[in-house]
Amino acid sequence: MKAAIIVFIVLSLTSAGMSLGQTNTFPSSGNVGIGTTAPQAKLDVNGGISLSGYNAISSVNYFHNSLQLLSSSHSAIVYNPGKSTELMFGFHSNGNFYWGTGRNAGNSYSMILNKYGRLNIQGGMSIKGYNPVSSVHGFRNSLELVSADHSAIVYNPGESTELMFGFHSNGNFYWGTGRKAENKYGMFLSAKAGDLGIKGRLTANEVNVKKGGWADYVFLPDYPLMPLMDLETYVKEQGHLPNIPTEAEIKEKGINLGEMDVKLLEKIEELTLYLIQQQKVNQEQAKYIAEQQQRIEALERKASQNKE
């Protein structure tokens, strides 16, 4: 009898202890709570969730379906719902993923990814890491665009203010405006040859043109400097200086700045030689005039003496 009473007391104390420590509730209807006895949703979990299994229906490329959300229109995973810090990751029947803030936290999307792989980011994007395949001279590949023919980074696509920076399989970079904004290239750069094309004006504080040759050959002793009389005849007949392109040629082919600088310097140095020649002539003439003046003065003195 005493043994039965002791067993009853032990069982009672054990049952009371289990009841006092209970944090789960599994009612026959209503909300289920794990880690809480006051669940606020159909399933309310106060703690972490570990999923080791998966549902019967697999996903793309047979990825295991460990957690599935069923809805005819849209659904989301929400952090701090209804609060000013609310964030959500949403799934929509239109095929888009959405990242955004809740109704009490701006109620806007920060990023959208559609089913075609197009990513729309409403703010700035910072890339700290890089892809495994590096670029020229080992430059780290932080952002890569993969395409068989061409691709671009586009600002305001489809708008009248559209701008784009494009990459083409022909080895060129392109800067241009969109289809609703004149649809033309403003500048291109050949990555292979280094040629830069600008369809407009270029403004720069300094331009350094590297040229292999210079016009100092004009000062060599055997340089065939054209006589001024021949130069006069040439200009009258041709309408331009020797070794300088005509207006028609410039309109057709444009100007090579490096070559034109050499040609212009050639003319400046030729002009310097003409000035030196003219200075020598002037000096000879001045000397001759001085000598003639001395003779005239001597004759005048002699004539004056004869009169006396």
C-alpha atoms as a PDB file:
ATOM      1  CA  MET A   1       0.000   0.000   0.000  1.00  0.00           C
ATOM      2  CA  LYS A   2       2.800   2.409   0.914  1.00  0.00           C
ATOM      3  CA  ALA A   3       4.603   1.511  -2.329  1.00  0.00           C
ATOM      4  CA  ALA A   4       1.472   2.324  -4.380  1.00  0.00           C
ATOM      5  CA  ILE A   5       1.106   5.704  -2.676  1.00  0.00           C
ATOM      6  CA  ILE A   6       4.767   6.582  -3.381  1.00  0.00           C
ATOM      7  CA  VAL A   7       4.399   5.644  -7.075  1.00  0.00           C
ATOM      8  CA  PHE A   8       1.248   7.807  -7.333  1.00  0.00           C
ATOM      9  CA  ILE A   9       3.029  10.827  -5.813  1.00  0.00           C
ATOM     10  CA  VAL A  10       6.045  10.468  -8.130  1.00  0.00           C
ATOM     11  CA  LEU A  11       3.819  10.199 -11.199  1.00  0.00           C
ATOM     12  CA  SER A  12       1.831  13.243 -10.105  1.00  0.00           C
ATOM     13  CA  LEU A  13       4.926  15.353  -9.548  1.00  0.00           C
ATOM     14  CA  THR A  14       6.386  14.268 -12.911  1.00  0.00           C
ATOM     15  CA  SER A  15       3.144  15.120 -14.721  1.00  0.00           C
ATOM     16  CA  ALA A  16       2.972  18.509 -13.016  1.00  0.00           C
ATOM     17  CA  GLY A  17       6.577  19.263 -13.952  1.00  0.00           C
ATOM     18  CA  MET A  18       5.950  18.389 -17.602  1.00  0.00           C
ATOM     19  CA  SER A  19       2.849  20.557 -17.662  1.00  0.00           C
ATOM     20  CA  LEU A  20       4.694  23.538 -16.193  1.00  0.00           C
ATOM     21  CA  GLY A  21       7.525  23.252 -18.820  1.00  0.00           C
ATOM     22  CA  GLN A  22       5.301  22.721 -21.867  1.00  0.00           C
ATOM     23  CA  THR A  23       5.977  25.277 -24.711  1.00  0.00           C
ATOM     24  CA  ASN A  24       4.221  23.516 -27.617  1.00  0.00           C
ATOM     25  CA  THR A  25       0.555  23.216 -28.421  1.00  0.00           C
ATOM     26  CA  PHE A  26      -1.061  20.848 -30.896  1.00  0.00           C
ATOM     27  CA  PRO A  27      -4.836  21.331 -30.655  1.00  0.00           C
ATOM     28  CA  SER A  28      -7.249  19.298 -32.737  1.00  0.00           C
ATOM     29  CA  SER A  29      -8.261  22.555 -34.475  1.00  0.00           C
ATOM     30  CA  GLY A  30      -6.998  26.129 -34.627  1.00  0.00           C
ATOM     31  CA  ASN A  31      -3.376  27.280 -34.536  1.00  0.00           C
ATOM     32  CA  VAL A  32      -0.370  25.072 -33.879  1.00  0.00           C
ATOM     33  CA  GLY A  33       2.451  26.446 -31.747  1.00  0.00           C
ATOM     34  CA  ILE A  34       6.051  25.183 -31.538  1.00  0.00           C
ATOM     35  CA  GLY A  35       8.045  26.968 -28.889  1.00  0.00           C
ATOM     36  CA  THR A  36       4.927  28.929 -27.919  1.00  0.00           C
ATOM     37  CA  THR A  37       1.606  28.128 -26.261  1.00  0.00           C
ATOM     38  CA  ALA A  38      -0.104  31.155 -27.828  1.00  0.00           C
ATOM     39  CA  PRO A  39       0.316  30.717 -31.597  1.00  0.00           C
ATOM     40  CA  GLN A  40      -0.757  33.679 -33.758  1.00  0.00           C
ATOM     41  CA  ALA A  41      -0.896  31.809 -37.067  1.00  0.00           C
ATOM     42  CA  LYS A  42      -1.797  28.393 -38.410  1.00  0.00           C
ATOM     43  CA  LEU A  43       1.790  27.417 -37.604  1.00  0.00           C
ATOM     44  CA  ASP A  44       3.716  29.649 -35.191  1.00  0.00           C
ATOM     45  CA  VAL A  45       7.338  28.652 -34.534  1.00  0.00           C
ATOM     46  CA  ASN A  46       9.360  30.407 -31.847  1.00  0.00           C
ATOM     47  CA  GLY A  47      12.873  29.265 -32.758  1.00  0.00           C
ATOM     48  CA  GLY A  48      14.834  28.041 -35.734  1.00  0.00           C
ATOM     49  CA  ILE A  49      13.531  25.712 -38.435  1.00  0.00           C
ATOM     50  CA  SER A  50      15.646  22.940 -39.933  1.00  0.00           C
ATOM     51  CA  LEU A  51      14.406  21.181 -43.083  1.00  0.00           C
ATOM     52  CA  SER A  52      16.207  17.995 -44.075  1.00  0.00           C
ATOM     53  CA  GLY A  53      13.527  16.476 -46.305  1.00  0.00           C
ATOM     54  CA  TYR A  54      11.682  17.792 -49.330  1.00  0.00           C
ATOM     55  CA  ASN A  55       8.293  17.720 -51.037  1.00  0.00           C
ATOM     56  CA  ALA A  56       7.334  15.246 -53.739  1.00  0.00           C
ATOM     57  CA  ILE A  57       7.257  17.758 -56.607  1.00  0.00           C
ATOM     58  CA  SER A  58      10.808  18.861 -57.529  1.00  0.00           C
ATOM     59  CA  SER A  59      11.719  22.173 -59.145  1.00  0.00           C
ATOM     60  CA  VAL A  60      13.820  23.351 -62.129  1.00  0.00           C
ATOM     61  CA  ASN A  61      16.687  21.003 -62.934  1.00  0.00           C
ATOM     62  CA  TYR A  62      15.265  18.696 -60.225  1.00  0.00           C
ATOM     63  CA  PHE A  63      16.222  20.966 -57.324  1.00  0.00           C
ATOM     64  CA  HIS A  64      14.711  19.506 -54.152  1.00  0.00           C
ATOM     65  CA  ASN A  65      11.552  21.345 -53.089  1.00  0.00           C
ATOM     66  CA  SER A  66      12.182  21.741 -49.347  1.00  0.00           C
ATOM     67  CA  LEU A  67       9.723  24.604 -48.775  1.00  0.00           C
ATOM     68  CA  GLN A  68       6.770  25.412 -51.006  1.00  0.00           C
ATOM     69  CA  LEU A  69       4.385  28.378 -51.027  1.00  0.00           C
ATOM     70  CA  LEU A  70       1.015  27.729 -52.700  1.00  0.00           C
ATOM     71  CA  SER A  71      -1.042  30.650 -54.053  1.00  0.00           C
ATOM     72  CA  SER A  72      -2.941  31.491 -57.233  1.00  0.00           C
ATOM     73  CA  SER A  73      -1.528  35.032 -57.411  1.00  0.00           C
ATOM     74  CA  HIS A  74       1.390  35.867 -55.103  1.00  0.00           C
ATOM     75  CA  SER A  75       3.073  35.058 -51.831  1.00  0.00           C
ATOM     76  CA  ALA A  76       6.047  36.243 -49.795  1.00  0.00           C
ATOM     77  CA  ILE A  77       8.450  35.636 -46.970  1.00  0.00           C
ATOM     78  CA  VAL A  78       8.028  38.636 -44.647  1.00  0.00           C
ATOM     79  CA  TYR A  79      10.332  39.976 -41.924  1.00  0.00           C
ATOM     80  CA  ASN A  80       8.709  41.954 -39.085  1.00  0.00           C
ATOM     81  CA  PRO A  81       5.278  42.174 -40.786  1.00  0.00           C
ATOM     82  CA  GLY A  82       3.346  45.351 -40.095  1.00  0.00           C
ATOM     83  CA  LYS A  83       6.299  47.144 -38.504  1.00  0.00           C
ATOM     84  CA  SER A  84       8.412  50.052 -39.716  1.00  0.00           C
ATOM     85  CA  THR A  85      11.293  47.624 -40.288  1.00  0.00           C
ATOM     86  CA  GLU A  86       9.235  45.286 -42.481  1.00  0.00           C
ATOM     87  CA  LEU A  87      11.050  43.607 -45.383  1.00  0.00           C
ATOM     88  CA  MET A  88       9.752  41.033 -47.822  1.00  0.00           C
ATOM     89  CA  PHE A  89      10.895  38.614 -50.498  1.00  0.00           C
ATOM     90  CA  GLY A  90       7.944  38.018 -52.786  1.00  0.00           C
ATOM     91  CA  PHE A  91       6.905  35.587 -55.513  1.00  0.00           C
ATOM     92  CA  HIS A  92       4.314  36.626 -58.125  1.00  0.00           C
ATOM     93  CA  SER A  93       2.310  34.658 -60.669  1.00  0.00           C
ATOM     94  CA  ASN A  94       3.624  37.041 -63.364  1.00  0.00           C
ATOM     95  CA  GLY A  95       6.972  35.249 -63.037  1.00  0.00           C
ATOM     96  CA  ASN A  96       8.780  37.950 -61.058  1.00  0.00           C
ATOM     97  CA  PHE A  97      10.629  37.918 -57.766  1.00  0.00           C
ATOM     98  CA  TYR A  98      10.340  41.043 -55.611  1.00  0.00           C
ATOM     99  CA  TRP A  99      12.472  42.428 -52.804  1.00  0.00           C
ATOM    100  CA  GLY A 100      10.918  45.344 -50.932  1.00  0.00           C
ATOM    101  CA  THR A 101       9.759  47.152 -47.824  1.00  0.00           C
ATOM    102  CA  GLY A 102       6.350  46.811 -46.162  1.00  0.00           C
ATOM    103  CA  ARG A 103       3.405  49.191 -46.002  1.00  0.00           C
ATOM    104  CA  ASN A 104       4.776  50.799 -42.862  1.00  0.00           C
ATOM    105  CA  ALA A 105       8.336  51.018 -44.226  1.00  0.00           C
ATOM    106  CA  GLY A 106       8.047  52.802 -47.575  1.00  0.00           C
ATOM    107  CA  ASN A 107       5.960  50.150 -49.343  1.00  0.00           C
ATOM    108  CA  SER A 108       8.277  49.940 -52.359  1.00  0.00           C
ATOM    109  CA  TYR A 109      10.334  47.416 -54.277  1.00  0.00           C
ATOM    110  CA  SER A 110      14.107  47.646 -54.015  1.00  0.00           C
ATOM    111  CA  MET A 111      14.843  44.944 -56.592  1.00  0.00           C
ATOM    112  CA  ILE A 112      12.899  42.926 -59.174  1.00  0.00           C
ATOM    113  CA  LEU A 113      14.040  39.799 -61.029  1.00  0.00           C
ATOM    114  CA  ASN A 114      11.855  38.491 -63.835  1.00  0.00           C
ATOM    115  CA  LYS A 115      11.640  34.991 -65.270  1.00  0.00           C
ATOM    116  CA  TYR A 116      13.874  35.980 -68.206  1.00  0.00           C
ATOM    117  CA  GLY A 117      16.746  36.850 -65.881  1.00  0.00           C
ATOM    118  CA  ARG A 118      16.347  40.634 -66.062  1.00  0.00           C
ATOM    119  CA  LEU A 119      17.330  42.273 -62.763  1.00  0.00           C
ATOM    120  CA  ASN A 120      15.954  45.731 -61.928  1.00  0.00           C
ATOM    121  CA  ILE A 121      17.618  47.480 -58.985  1.00  0.00           C
ATOM    122  CA  GLN A 122      15.968  50.653 -57.710  1.00  0.00           C
ATOM    123  CA  GLY A 123      19.086  51.955 -55.952  1.00  0.00           C
ATOM    124  CA  GLY A 124      22.861  51.719 -56.164  1.00  0.00           C
ATOM    125  CA  MET A 125      24.765  48.466 -56.502  1.00  0.00           C
ATOM    126  CA  SER A 126      28.114  47.742 -54.864  1.00  0.00           C
ATOM    127  CA  ILE A 127      30.274  44.810 -56.000  1.00  0.00           C
ATOM    128  CA  LYS A 128      33.094  43.802 -53.689  1.00  0.00           C
ATOM    129  CA  GLY A 129      34.040  40.371 -55.006  1.00  0.00           C
ATOM    130  CA  TYR A 130      34.885  39.191 -58.500  1.00  0.00           C
ATOM    131  CA  ASN A 131      34.327  36.287 -60.888  1.00  0.00           C
ATOM    132  CA  PRO A 132      36.916  33.501 -61.255  1.00  0.00           C
ATOM    133  CA  VAL A 133      37.877  34.361 -64.859  1.00  0.00           C
ATOM    134  CA  SER A 134      40.104  37.465 -64.813  1.00  0.00           C
ATOM    135  CA  SER A 135      40.500  39.937 -67.665  1.00  0.00           C
ATOM    136  CA  VAL A 136      43.413  41.599 -69.516  1.00  0.00           C
ATOM    137  CA  HIS A 137      46.560  42.042 -67.415  1.00  0.00           C
ATOM    138  CA  GLY A 138      44.864  40.177 -64.583  1.00  0.00           C
ATOM    139  CA  PHE A 139      42.183  42.810 -63.954  1.00  0.00           C
ATOM    140  CA  ARG A 140      39.556  41.367 -61.631  1.00  0.00           C
ATOM    141  CA  ASN A 141      36.257  40.555 -63.312  1.00  0.00           C
ATOM    142  CA  SER A 142      33.692  42.076 -60.907  1.00  0.00           C
ATOM    143  CA  LEU A 143      30.823  42.258 -63.416  1.00  0.00           C
ATOM    144  CA  GLU A 144      30.544  40.148 -66.552  1.00  0.00           C
ATOM    145  CA  LEU A 145      28.081  40.319 -69.462  1.00  0.00           C
ATOM    146  CA  VAL A 146      27.853  37.081 -71.444  1.00  0.00           C
ATOM    147  CA  SER A 147      26.450  37.191 -74.992  1.00  0.00           C
ATOM    148  CA  ALA A 148      27.250  35.696 -78.384  1.00  0.00           C
ATOM    149  CA  ASP A 149      27.061  39.001 -80.261  1.00  0.00           C
ATOM    150  CA  HIS A 150      26.550  42.168 -78.174  1.00  0.00           C
ATOM    151  CA  SER A 151      25.345  43.494 -74.839  1.00  0.00           C
ATOM    152  CA  ALA A 152      25.016  46.851 -73.096  1.00  0.00           C
ATOM    153  CA  ILE A 153      24.492  48.763 -69.890  1.00  0.00           C
ATOM    154  CA  VAL A 154      21.399  50.922 -70.512  1.00  0.00           C
ATOM    155  CA  TYR A 155      20.158  54.030 -68.704  1.00  0.00           C
ATOM    156  CA  ASN A 156      16.384  54.698 -68.821  1.00  0.00           C
ATOM    157  CA  PRO A 157      15.636  51.970 -71.421  1.00  0.00           C
ATOM    158  CA  GLY A 158      12.791  52.822 -73.790  1.00  0.00           C
ATOM    159  CA  GLU A 159      12.648  56.451 -72.654  1.00  0.00           C
ATOM    160  CA  SER A 160      13.488  59.596 -74.620  1.00  0.00           C
ATOM    161  CA  THR A 161      16.493  60.034 -72.306  1.00  0.00           C
ATOM    162  CA  GLU A 162      17.873  56.549 -72.992  1.00  0.00           C
ATOM    163  CA  LEU A 163      21.665  56.203 -73.037  1.00  0.00           C
ATOM    164  CA  MET A 164      23.735  53.075 -73.453  1.00  0.00           C
ATOM    165  CA  PHE A 165      27.299  51.804 -73.119  1.00  0.00           C
ATOM    166  CA  GLY A 166      27.608  48.801 -75.400  1.00  0.00           C
ATOM    167  CA  PHE A 167      29.996  45.912 -75.978  1.00  0.00           C
ATOM    168  CA  HIS A 168      30.117  44.217 -79.398  1.00  0.00           C
ATOM    169  CA  SER A 169      31.668  40.970 -80.576  1.00  0.00           C
ATOM    170  CA  ASN A 170      33.435  42.961 -83.337  1.00  0.00           C
ATOM    171  CA  GLY A 171      35.781  44.245 -80.611  1.00  0.00           C
ATOM    172  CA  ASN A 172      34.290  47.731 -80.272  1.00  0.00           C
ATOM    173  CA  PHE A 173      32.795  49.688 -77.393  1.00  0.00           C
ATOM    174  CA  TYR A 174      29.878  51.989 -78.205  1.00  0.00           C
ATOM    175  CA  TRP A 175      28.335  54.988 -76.421  1.00  0.00           C
ATOM    176  CA  GLY A 176      24.983  56.082 -77.769  1.00  0.00           C
ATOM    177  CA  THR A 177      21.351  57.107 -77.406  1.00  0.00           C
ATOM    178  CA  GLY A 178      18.319  54.819 -77.496  1.00  0.00           C
ATOM    179  CA  ARG A 179      15.677  54.206 -80.141  1.00  0.00           C
ATOM    180  CA  LYS A 180      13.496  56.992 -78.750  1.00  0.00           C
ATOM    181  CA  ALA A 181      16.459  59.343 -78.359  1.00  0.00           C
ATOM    182  CA  GLU A 182      17.904  59.715 -81.901  1.00  0.00           C
ATOM    183  CA  ASN A 183      19.189  56.099 -81.931  1.00  0.00           C
ATOM    184  CA  LYS A 184      22.799  56.827 -82.834  1.00  0.00           C
ATOM    185  CA  TYR A 185      26.320  56.364 -81.523  1.00  0.00           C
ATOM    186  CA  GLY A 186      28.026  59.376 -79.990  1.00  0.00           C
ATOM    187  CA  MET A 187      31.381  57.649 -79.576  1.00  0.00           C
ATOM    188  CA  PHE A 188      33.059  54.317 -80.244  1.00  0.00           C
ATOM    189  CA  LEU A 189      36.358  52.775 -79.250  1.00  0.00           C
ATOM    190  CA  SER A 190      38.114  49.890 -80.967  1.00  0.00           C
ATOM    191  CA  ALA A 191      39.548  47.685 -78.225  1.00  0.00           C
ATOM    192  CA  LYS A 192      41.823  45.936 -80.736  1.00  0.00           C
ATOM    193  CA  ALA A 193      43.261  48.937 -82.604  1.00  0.00           C
ATOM    194  CA  GLY A 194      42.702  51.637 -79.990  1.00  0.00           C
ATOM    195  CA  ASP A 195      40.896  53.885 -82.498  1.00  0.00           C
ATOM    196  CA  LEU A 196      38.486  56.363 -80.907  1.00  0.00           C
ATOM    197  CA  GLY A 197      35.643  57.857 -82.921  1.00  0.00           C
ATOM    198  CA  ILE A 198      33.658  60.864 -81.687  1.00  0.00           C
ATOM    199  CA  LYS A 199      30.651  62.202 -83.611  1.00  0.00           C
ATOM    200  CA  GLY A 200      30.784  65.661 -82.142  1.00  0.00           C
ATOM    201  CA  ARG A 201      33.125  68.059 -80.382  1.00  0.00           C
ATOM    202  CA  LEU A 202      35.995  67.092 -78.107  1.00  0.00           C
ATOM    203  CA  THR A 203      36.887  69.365 -75.195  1.00  0.00           C
ATOM    204  CA  ALA A 204      40.166  68.730 -73.379  1.00  0.00           C
ATOM    205  CA  ASN A 205      42.620  70.628 -71.219  1.00  0.00           C
ATOM    206  CA  GLU A 206      45.529  68.843 -72.859  1.00  0.00           C
ATOM    207  CA  VAL A 207      46.050  66.563 -75.871  1.00  0.00           C
ATOM    208  CA  ASN A 208      49.297  64.629 -76.300  1.00  0.00           C
ATOM    209  CA  VAL A 209      49.763  63.389 -79.882  1.00  0.00           C
ATOM    210  CA  LYS A 210      52.622  60.929 -80.247  1.00  0.00           C
ATOM    211  CA  LYS A 211      54.290  61.241 -83.642  1.00  0.00           C
ATOM    212  CA  GLY A 212      57.280  59.343 -84.991  1.00  0.00           C
ATOM    213  CA  GLY A 213      58.848  62.150 -87.067  1.00  0.00           C
ATOM    214  CA  TRP A 214      59.223  65.931 -86.861  1.00  0.00           C
ATOM    215  CA  ALA A 215      59.971  68.712 -89.358  1.00  0.00           C
ATOM    216  CA  ASP A 216      63.561  69.513 -88.343  1.00  0.00           C
ATOM    217  CA  TYR A 217      64.675  68.120 -91.721  1.00  0.00           C
ATOM    218  CA  VAL A 218      63.943  71.598 -93.080  1.00  0.00           C
ATOM    219  CA  PHE A 219      67.113  72.896 -91.365  1.00  0.00           C
ATOM    220  CA  LEU A 220      69.391  70.283 -92.960  1.00  0.00           C
ATOM    221  CA  PRO A 221      71.951  71.767 -95.397  1.00  0.00           C
ATOM    222  CA  ASP A 222      70.629  69.836 -98.404  1.00  0.00           C
ATOM    223  CA  TYR A 223      66.945  70.698 -97.856  1.00  0.00           C
ATOM    224  CA  PRO A 224      65.453  71.834-101.214  1.00  0.00           C
ATOM    225  CA  LEU A 225      63.915  75.129-100.148  1.00  0.00           C
ATOM    226  CA  MET A 226      61.734  76.433-102.961  1.00  0.00           C
ATOM    227  CA  PRO A 227      62.775  79.905-104.167  1.00  0.00           C
ATOM    228  CA  LEU A 228      60.238  82.601-103.326  1.00  0.00           C
ATOM    229  CA  MET A 229      59.554  83.392-106.972  1.00  0.00           C
ATOM    230  CA  ASP A 230      58.758  79.718-107.638  1.00  0.00           C
ATOM    231  CA  LEU A 231      56.605  79.610-104.479  1.00  0.00           C
ATOM    232  CA  GLU A 232      54.658  82.615-105.731  1.00  0.00           C
ATOM    233  CA  THR A 233      54.008  80.881-109.047  1.00  0.00           C
ATOM    234  CA  TYR A 234      52.942  77.649-107.294  1.00  0.00           C
ATOM    235  CA  VAL A 235      50.463  79.429-104.987  1.00  0.00           C
ATOM    236  CA  LYS A 236      48.933  81.338-107.916  1.00  0.00           C
ATOM    237  CA  GLU A 237      48.481  78.122-109.916  1.00  0.00           C
ATOM    238  CA  GLN A 238      47.484  75.645-107.155  1.00  0.00           C
ATOM    239  CA  GLY A 239      45.762  77.863-104.608  1.00  0.00           C
ATOM    240  CA  HIS A 240      47.544  76.341-101.600  1.00  0.00           C
ATOM    241  CA  LEU A 241      51.031  75.844-100.173  1.00  0.00           C
ATOM    242  CA  PRO A 242      53.182  72.898-101.321  1.00  0.00           C
ATOM    243  CA  ASN A 243      52.783  69.708 -99.240  1.00  0.00           C
ATOM    244  CA  ILE A 244      49.572  71.061 -97.661  1.00  0.00           C
ATOM    245  CA  PRO A 245      46.243  69.330 -98.501  1.00  0.00           C
ATOM    246  CA  THR A 246      43.585  71.248-100.396  1.00  0.00           C
ATOM    247  CA  GLU A 247      40.232  72.283 -98.949  1.00  0.00           C
ATOM    248  CA  ALA A 248      38.517  69.549-100.981  1.00  0.00           C
ATOM    249  CA  GLU A 249      40.851  66.887 -99.544  1.00  0.00           C
ATOM    250  CA  ILE A 250      40.198  68.095 -95.985  1.00  0.00           C
ATOM    251  CA  LYS A 251      36.429  67.958 -96.499  1.00  0.00           C
ATOM    252  CA  GLU A 252      36.671  64.423 -97.877  1.00  0.00           C
ATOM    253  CA  LYS A 253      39.274  62.834 -95.580  1.00  0.00           C
ATOM    254  CA  GLY A 254      39.511  65.115 -92.568  1.00  0.00           C
ATOM    255  CA  ILE A 255      42.756  66.050 -90.792  1.00  0.00           C
ATOM    256  CA  ASN A 256      45.332  63.843 -89.149  1.00  0.00           C
ATOM    257  CA  LEU A 257      46.430  66.076 -86.275  1.00  0.00           C
ATOM    258  CA  GLY A 258      49.882  64.554 -85.955  1.00  0.00           C
ATOM    259  CA  GLU A 259      50.654  64.760 -89.687  1.00  0.00           C
ATOM    260  CA  MET A 260      49.161  68.245 -89.993  1.00  0.00           C
ATOM    261  CA  ASP A 261      51.253  69.547 -87.085  1.00  0.00           C
ATOM    262  CA  VAL A 262      54.375  68.294 -88.888  1.00  0.00           C
ATOM    263  CA  LYS A 263      53.308  69.968 -92.146  1.00  0.00           C
ATOM    264  CA  LEU A 264      52.508  73.262 -90.421  1.00  0.00           C
ATOM    265  CA  LEU A 265      55.838  73.198 -88.586  1.00  0.00           C
ATOM    266  CA  GLU A 266      57.530  72.507 -91.920  1.00  0.00           C
ATOM    267  CA  LYS A 267      56.007  75.714 -93.306  1.00  0.00           C
ATOM    268  CA  ILE A 268      56.999  77.680 -90.180  1.00  0.00           C
ATOM    269  CA  GLU A 269      60.588  76.470 -90.482  1.00  0.00           C
ATOM    270  CA  GLU A 270      60.636  77.246 -94.219  1.00  0.00           C
ATOM    271  CA  LEU A 271      59.337  80.723 -93.391  1.00  0.00           C
ATOM    272  CA  THR A 272      62.180  81.045 -90.864  1.00  0.00           C
ATOM    273  CA  LEU A 273      64.694  80.213 -93.606  1.00  0.00           C
ATOM    274  CA  TYR A 274      63.074  82.772 -95.922  1.00  0.00           C
ATOM    275  CA  LEU A 275      63.357  85.393 -93.173  1.00  0.00           C
ATOM    276  CA  ILE A 276      67.013  84.531 -92.620  1.00  0.00           C
ATOM    277  CA  GLN A 277      67.671  84.849 -96.355  1.00  0.00           C
ATOM    278  CA  GLN A 278      65.825  88.164 -96.472  1.00  0.00           C
ATOM    279  CA  GLN A 279      67.793  89.395 -93.448  1.00  0.00           C
ATOM    280  CA  LYS A 280      71.043  88.648 -95.246  1.00  0.00           C
ATOM    281  CA  VAL A 281      69.820  90.523 -98.330  1.00  0.00           C
ATOM    282  CA  ASN A 282      68.768  93.455 -96.167  1.00  0.00           C
ATOM    283  CA  GLN A 283      72.189  93.509 -94.487  1.00  0.00           C
ATOM    284  CA  GLU A 284      73.957  93.472 -97.860  1.00  0.00           C
ATOM    285  CA  GLN A 285      71.710  96.255 -99.123  1.00  0.00           C
ATOM    286  CA  ALA A 286      72.275  98.295 -95.966  1.00  0.00           C
ATOM    287  CA  LYS A 287      76.038  97.855 -96.355  1.00  0.00           C
ATOM    288  CA  TYR A 288      75.870  98.858-100.031  1.00  0.00           C
ATOM    289  CA  ILE A 289      73.722 101.911 -99.223  1.00  0.00           C
ATOM    290  CA  ALA A 290      76.122 102.961 -96.464  1.00  0.00           C
ATOM    291  CA  GLU A 291      79.086 102.679 -98.859  1.00  0.00           C
ATOM    292  CA  GLN A 292      77.241 104.668-101.516  1.00  0.00           C
ATOM    293  CA  GLN A 293      76.357 107.311 -98.960  1.00  0.00           C
ATOM    294  CA  GLN A 294      79.995 107.628 -97.959  1.00  0.00           C
ATOM    295  CA  ARG A 295      81.000 108.082-101.642  1.00  0.00           C
ATOM    296  CA  ILE A 296      78.311 110.715-102.163  1.00  0.00           C
ATOM    297  CA  GLU A 297      79.453 112.636 -99.087  1.00  0.00           C
ATOM    298  CA  ALA A 298      83.081 112.453-100.272  1.00  0.00           C
ATOM    299  CA  LEU A 299      82.126 113.762-103.711  1.00  0.00           C
ATOM    300  CA  GLU A 300      80.122 116.561-102.142  1.00  0.00           C
ATOM    301  CA  ARG A 301      83.099 117.609 -99.982  1.00  0.00           C
ATOM    302  CA  LYS A 302      85.404 117.537-103.004  1.00  0.00           C
ATOM    303  CA  ALA A 303      82.985 119.610-105.086  1.00  0.00           C
ATOM    304  CA  SER A 304      82.681 122.128-102.282  1.00  0.00           C
ATOM    305  CA  GLN A 305      86.520 122.444-102.034  1.00  0.00           C
ATOM    306  CA  ASN A 306      86.829 123.018-105.825  1.00  0.00           C
ATOM    307  CA  LYS A 307      84.384 125.922-105.635  1.00  0.00           C
ATOM    308  CA  GLU A 308      86.484 127.604-103.032  1.00  0.00           C
END
